[in-house]
């Protein structure tokens, strides 16, 4: 979406009161569109922002023209202060990722029995077919006329 445009594109990342919001302006109209809004994000303290415009072996490049960082002073209760200090890894409350459905129910005894039974039948069938083919091959190899 941002390739080969004749105007600058902008990205705003906001993290305020455990809410991460990303806004984009890729049309060059100075109108912000919401890209993502995730509540319940808890980031640890004491880390740094880093950016890179390196794209590796790709055929395009991206120039980071400017980077503006602001620290907002927010009033916090002692409970919020304590909870924020205990965060060591980034965490998102109640995040459901795609493909992360509820765990499957365990198989019933009947289903497990049927799977084992039909697996054993298939193995026995394969062994019988293998023995028949081996015996036919042995007969054919003995019928050589010298």
Protein backbone atom coordinates (compact mmCIF):
# COMPACT_ATOMS: atom_id res chain seq x y z
CA UNK A 1 0.00 0.00 0.00
CA UNK A 2 2.91 2.39 0.51
CA UNK A 3 5.03 1.50 -2.52
CA UNK A 4 5.68 3.76 -5.48
CA UNK A 5 3.72 6.74 -4.19
CA UNK A 6 4.58 10.32 -5.13
CA UNK A 7 3.94 11.65 -1.63
CA UNK A 8 5.12 10.88 1.87
CA UNK A 9 3.27 8.37 4.00
CA UNK A 10 2.88 8.72 7.74
CA UNK A 11 2.40 6.34 10.62
CA UNK A 12 1.39 7.20 14.19
CA UNK A 13 1.82 4.70 17.00
CA UNK A 14 0.16 5.62 20.30
CA UNK A 15 0.35 3.76 23.55
CA UNK A 16 -1.81 5.42 26.20
CA UNK A 17 -3.30 3.76 29.28
CA UNK A 18 -2.63 0.20 28.06
CA UNK A 19 -4.18 0.88 24.64
CA UNK A 20 -2.08 0.53 21.48
CA UNK A 21 -3.36 2.42 18.45
CA UNK A 22 -1.80 2.66 15.00
CA UNK A 23 -2.98 5.35 12.59
CA UNK A 24 -1.85 5.73 8.98
CA UNK A 25 -1.93 8.44 6.32
CA UNK A 26 -1.01 6.83 3.01
CA UNK A 27 -3.21 8.99 0.76
CA UNK A 28 -1.23 12.20 1.29
CA UNK A 29 -4.36 14.06 2.44
CA UNK A 30 -3.24 14.52 6.06
CA UNK A 31 -6.25 12.50 7.20
CA UNK A 32 -5.61 9.72 9.66
CA UNK A 33 -7.18 6.29 9.22
CA UNK A 34 -7.21 3.76 12.01
CA UNK A 35 -5.11 0.74 11.19
CA UNK A 36 -5.32 -1.13 14.49
CA UNK A 37 -6.61 -0.49 17.99
CA UNK A 38 -5.78 -3.02 20.70
CA UNK A 39 -6.88 -2.48 24.30
CA UNK A 40 -5.23 -4.25 27.23
CA UNK A 41 -1.62 -4.02 25.99
CA UNK A 42 0.90 -3.98 28.81
CA UNK A 43 4.46 -3.08 27.82
CA UNK A 44 7.46 -3.28 30.15
CA UNK A 45 9.34 -0.17 31.20
CA UNK A 46 12.95 0.64 30.49
CA UNK A 47 13.11 -0.41 26.85
CA UNK A 48 13.89 1.68 23.78
CA UNK A 49 12.30 2.35 20.41
CA UNK A 50 14.21 1.17 17.38
CA UNK A 51 13.54 1.63 13.70
CA UNK A 52 15.14 0.37 10.56
CA UNK A 53 14.59 1.02 6.89
CA UNK A 54 16.63 -2.00 5.85
CA UNK A 55 14.60 -4.32 3.65
CA UNK A 56 17.22 -6.96 2.90
CA UNK A 57 17.17 -8.33 -0.62
CA UNK A 58 13.89 -6.69 -1.58
CA UNK A 59 13.82 -4.41 -4.57
CA UNK A 60 12.42 -1.34 -2.81
CA UNK A 61 13.57 0.84 0.03
CA UNK A 62 11.92 2.90 2.73
CA UNK A 63 13.35 6.11 4.14
CA UNK A 64 12.57 7.10 7.69
CA UNK A 65 12.50 10.88 7.42
CA UNK A 66 11.73 11.70 11.03
CA UNK A 67 10.81 10.08 14.28
CA UNK A 68 9.09 12.02 17.05
CA UNK A 69 8.65 10.48 20.48
CA UNK A 70 6.67 11.99 23.32
CA UNK A 71 6.31 10.78 26.86
CA UNK A 72 2.91 11.49 28.30
CA UNK A 73 2.52 12.08 32.00
CA UNK A 74 -0.51 10.18 33.20
CA UNK A 75 -1.88 10.15 36.73
CA UNK A 76 -1.88 6.61 38.09
CA UNK A 77 -3.22 5.04 41.21
CA UNK A 78 -0.75 3.13 43.41
CA UNK A 79 -2.39 -0.12 42.27
CA UNK A 80 -1.82 0.74 38.57
CA UNK A 81 1.76 1.77 39.34
CA UNK A 82 2.46 -1.56 41.05
CA UNK A 83 0.81 -3.55 38.27
CA UNK A 84 2.82 -1.73 35.57
CA UNK A 85 6.11 -2.34 37.39
CA UNK A 86 5.47 -6.10 37.44
CA UNK A 87 5.37 -6.37 33.63
CA UNK A 88 8.56 -8.01 32.32
CA UNK A 89 7.31 -9.21 28.93
CA UNK A 90 4.80 -7.55 26.62
CA UNK A 91 1.31 -8.91 27.33
CA UNK A 92 -2.11 -8.36 25.75
CA UNK A 93 -5.15 -9.08 27.92
CA UNK A 94 -7.84 -11.27 26.38
CA UNK A 95 -6.16 -11.50 22.97
CA UNK A 96 -7.55 -14.15 20.68
CA UNK A 97 -5.24 -14.82 17.77
CA UNK A 98 -6.55 -16.26 14.50
CA UNK A 99 -6.46 -20.03 14.65
CA UNK A 100 -6.41 -20.10 18.45
CA UNK A 101 -9.78 -21.70 19.06
CA UNK A 102 -10.84 -23.50 22.19
CA UNK A 103 -8.97 -26.76 22.83
CA UNK A 104 -10.52 -29.88 21.37
CA UNK A 105 -12.48 -32.19 23.60
CA UNK A 106 -10.75 -35.47 24.42
CA UNK A 107 -11.81 -38.48 22.36
CA UNK A 108 -14.42 -40.79 23.77
CA UNK A 109 -13.56 -44.41 24.50
CA UNK A 110 -15.59 -45.64 21.52
CA UNK A 111 -13.81 -43.31 19.08
CA UNK A 112 -10.40 -44.35 20.41
CA UNK A 113 -11.37 -48.05 20.14
CA UNK A 114 -12.57 -47.64 16.54
CA UNK A 115 -9.38 -45.82 15.53
CA UNK A 116 -7.16 -48.53 17.05
CA UNK A 117 -9.32 -51.35 15.64
CA UNK A 118 -9.37 -50.03 12.07
CA UNK A 119 -5.65 -49.23 12.24
CA UNK A 120 -4.90 -52.83 13.23
CA UNK A 121 -7.20 -54.15 10.45
CA UNK A 122 -5.39 -51.96 7.92
CA UNK A 123 -1.97 -53.21 9.13
CA UNK A 124 -3.07 -56.86 8.95
CA UNK A 125 -4.53 -56.26 5.47
CA UNK A 126 -1.26 -54.68 4.31
CA UNK A 127 0.75 -57.61 5.70
CA UNK A 128 -1.50 -60.18 3.96
CA UNK A 129 -1.23 -58.32 0.64
CA UNK A 130 2.56 -58.13 1.09
CA UNK A 131 2.82 -61.90 1.76
CA UNK A 132 0.67 -62.68 -1.32
CA UNK A 133 2.79 -60.44 -3.55
CA UNK A 134 6.01 -61.95 -2.13
CA UNK A 135 4.77 -65.52 -2.78
CA UNK A 136 3.79 -64.63 -6.38
CA UNK A 137 7.23 -63.13 -6.90
CA UNK A 138 8.88 -66.28 -5.49
CA UNK A 139 6.84 -68.48 -7.90
CA UNK A 140 7.81 -66.30 -10.86
CA UNK A 141 11.48 -66.44 -9.94
CA UNK A 142 11.42 -70.28 -9.75
CA UNK A 143 9.91 -70.67 -13.27
CA UNK A 144 13.11 -69.76 -15.11
CA UNK A 145 13.98 -72.22 -17.85
CA UNK A 146 17.71 -72.75 -18.19
